[in-house]
């Protein structure tokens, strides 16, 4: 069978490497579900609620905001950003860029979004806690 540019993805879909990658993805999803951490939602949400009282220690994101992001956290966020295998339509439509350049651009966008969401999450949790304190007859679930 002749493999050209149009048939490449059809062959790749049935290749042993693709099957191995699909199996690894299923195993990873099962591990995430077993640990009660959501794989597809915000990567910082672990299903654990913030306690009602303010702790004596500040949160990681407050410390990062004040002191700067440590290298280990940058690496962790970068790995989360690279999990995406899809391109936003505006990046996908760039005809002058190679696929690898588009993926790098998408990963950078994902990384920036993860950082922005993390900084915003603290404020959202505080507003949510205030709402439930003001409305004791409403429950979250």
Protein backbone atom coordinates (compact mmCIF):
# COMPACT_ATOMS: atom_id res chain seq x y z
CA UNK A 1 0.00 0.00 0.00
CA UNK A 2 1.33 3.39 -0.95
CA UNK A 3 1.27 5.86 1.94
CA UNK A 4 0.90 9.44 0.87
CA UNK A 5 0.01 12.54 2.77
CA UNK A 6 -3.73 11.87 2.58
CA UNK A 7 -3.54 8.26 3.79
CA UNK A 8 -1.01 8.86 6.56
CA UNK A 9 -3.50 9.40 9.39
CA UNK A 10 -5.52 6.36 8.33
CA UNK A 11 -2.41 4.20 8.62
CA UNK A 12 -1.37 5.88 11.87
CA UNK A 13 -4.75 5.14 13.42
CA UNK A 14 -4.27 1.38 13.01
CA UNK A 15 -0.57 1.29 13.85
CA UNK A 16 0.63 -0.57 16.97
CA UNK A 17 1.99 2.68 18.41
CA UNK A 18 -1.44 4.29 18.17
CA UNK A 19 -3.00 1.30 19.94
CA UNK A 20 -0.39 1.49 22.69
CA UNK A 21 -0.99 5.23 23.13
CA UNK A 22 -4.76 4.70 23.30
CA UNK A 23 -4.31 2.00 25.96
CA UNK A 24 -2.04 4.28 28.00
CA UNK A 25 -4.64 7.05 27.79
CA UNK A 26 -7.36 4.72 29.09
CA UNK A 27 -5.12 3.62 31.98
CA UNK A 28 -4.28 7.24 32.81
CA UNK A 29 -7.97 8.22 32.84
CA UNK A 30 -8.75 5.31 35.17
CA UNK A 31 -5.96 6.38 37.52
CA UNK A 32 -7.24 9.96 37.55
CA UNK A 33 -10.78 8.79 38.29
CA UNK A 34 -9.54 6.50 41.06
CA UNK A 35 -7.75 9.43 42.70
CA UNK A 36 -10.94 11.57 42.50
CA UNK A 37 -9.25 14.21 40.38
CA UNK A 38 -10.98 15.43 37.26
CA UNK A 39 -9.02 14.94 34.04
CA UNK A 40 -11.07 17.08 31.70
CA UNK A 41 -12.11 20.00 33.85
CA UNK A 42 -9.88 22.64 35.37
CA UNK A 43 -6.64 20.87 36.22
CA UNK A 44 -6.48 22.55 39.60
CA UNK A 45 -9.82 21.24 40.85
CA UNK A 46 -9.35 18.16 42.99
CA UNK A 47 -12.85 17.79 44.40
CA UNK A 48 -11.66 18.91 47.83
CA UNK A 49 -13.47 21.94 49.17
CA UNK A 50 -11.80 24.76 51.01
CA UNK A 51 -12.46 24.65 54.77
CA UNK A 52 -14.92 27.09 56.30
CA UNK A 53 -12.32 28.78 58.50
CA UNK A 54 -9.33 30.63 57.16
CA UNK A 55 -6.15 28.60 57.69
CA UNK A 56 -3.06 30.10 59.32
CA UNK A 57 -1.05 29.30 56.19
CA UNK A 58 -1.59 31.01 52.86
CA UNK A 59 -2.36 29.04 49.72
CA UNK A 60 0.21 28.09 47.13
CA UNK A 61 -1.17 30.58 44.61
CA UNK A 62 -1.03 33.47 47.08
CA UNK A 63 2.62 32.60 47.73
CA UNK A 64 3.34 32.28 44.00
CA UNK A 65 1.70 35.63 43.35
CA UNK A 66 3.96 37.27 45.97
CA UNK A 67 7.24 35.40 45.39
CA UNK A 68 7.04 34.26 41.76
CA UNK A 69 6.45 30.83 40.29
CA UNK A 70 8.98 28.11 41.20
CA UNK A 71 10.51 25.98 38.45
CA UNK A 72 8.80 22.77 39.61
CA UNK A 73 5.37 24.41 39.31
CA UNK A 74 6.19 25.82 35.86
CA UNK A 75 7.16 22.32 34.74
CA UNK A 76 3.96 20.86 36.21
CA UNK A 77 1.78 23.43 34.43
CA UNK A 78 3.71 22.96 31.19
CA UNK A 79 3.01 19.20 31.31
CA UNK A 80 -0.69 19.92 31.87
CA UNK A 81 -0.70 22.33 28.93
CA UNK A 82 0.90 19.77 26.62
CA UNK A 83 -1.82 17.16 27.31
CA UNK A 84 -4.06 18.88 24.79
CA UNK A 85 -4.02 17.25 21.37
CA UNK A 86 -6.40 19.68 19.70
CA UNK A 87 -5.86 23.07 18.11
CA UNK A 88 -8.03 26.13 18.46
CA UNK A 89 -9.58 27.07 15.10
CA UNK A 90 -7.65 30.34 14.82
CA UNK A 91 -4.33 28.52 15.25
CA UNK A 92 -5.33 25.62 13.01
CA UNK A 93 -6.16 28.00 10.17
CA UNK A 94 -2.66 29.50 10.05
CA UNK A 95 -1.41 28.17 6.74
CA UNK A 96 2.13 29.51 6.95
CA UNK A 97 2.97 27.55 10.12
CA UNK A 98 3.99 23.91 10.41
CA UNK A 99 1.98 21.55 12.57
CA UNK A 100 4.69 21.45 15.24
CA UNK A 101 4.79 25.27 15.39
CA UNK A 102 0.99 25.33 15.72
CA UNK A 103 1.15 22.80 18.55
CA UNK A 104 3.79 24.84 20.39
CA UNK A 105 1.63 27.95 20.01
CA UNK A 106 -1.41 26.06 21.33
CA UNK A 107 0.56 24.66 24.28
CA UNK A 108 1.79 28.16 25.18
CA UNK A 109 -1.80 29.42 25.06
CA UNK A 110 -2.92 26.51 27.27
CA UNK A 111 -0.12 27.24 29.77
CA UNK A 112 -1.06 30.92 30.00
CA UNK A 113 -4.71 29.96 30.50
CA UNK A 114 -3.84 27.49 33.27
CA UNK A 115 -1.88 30.17 35.13
CA UNK A 116 -4.69 32.71 34.74
CA UNK A 117 -7.29 30.19 35.93
CA UNK A 118 -5.19 29.28 38.95
CA UNK A 119 -4.92 32.88 40.06
CA UNK A 120 -8.65 33.35 39.53
CA UNK A 121 -9.63 30.15 41.37
CA UNK A 122 -8.80 31.55 44.82
CA UNK A 123 -11.13 34.49 44.34
CA UNK A 124 -13.89 32.30 42.92
CA UNK A 125 -13.68 29.93 45.90
CA UNK A 126 -13.95 32.88 48.31
CA UNK A 127 -17.01 34.25 46.47
CA UNK A 128 -18.58 30.77 46.44
CA UNK A 129 -18.00 30.35 50.18
CA UNK A 130 -19.55 33.77 50.85
CA UNK A 131 -22.60 32.86 48.74
CA UNK A 132 -23.20 29.63 50.66
CA UNK A 133 -22.67 31.40 53.99
CA UNK A 134 -25.24 34.05 53.01
CA UNK A 135 -27.67 31.40 51.71
CA UNK A 136 -27.62 28.47 54.14
CA UNK A 137 -30.72 26.93 52.54
CA UNK A 138 -28.80 26.32 49.28
CA UNK A 139 -26.47 23.38 48.92
CA UNK A 140 -23.87 22.89 46.21
CA UNK A 141 -24.78 19.37 45.10
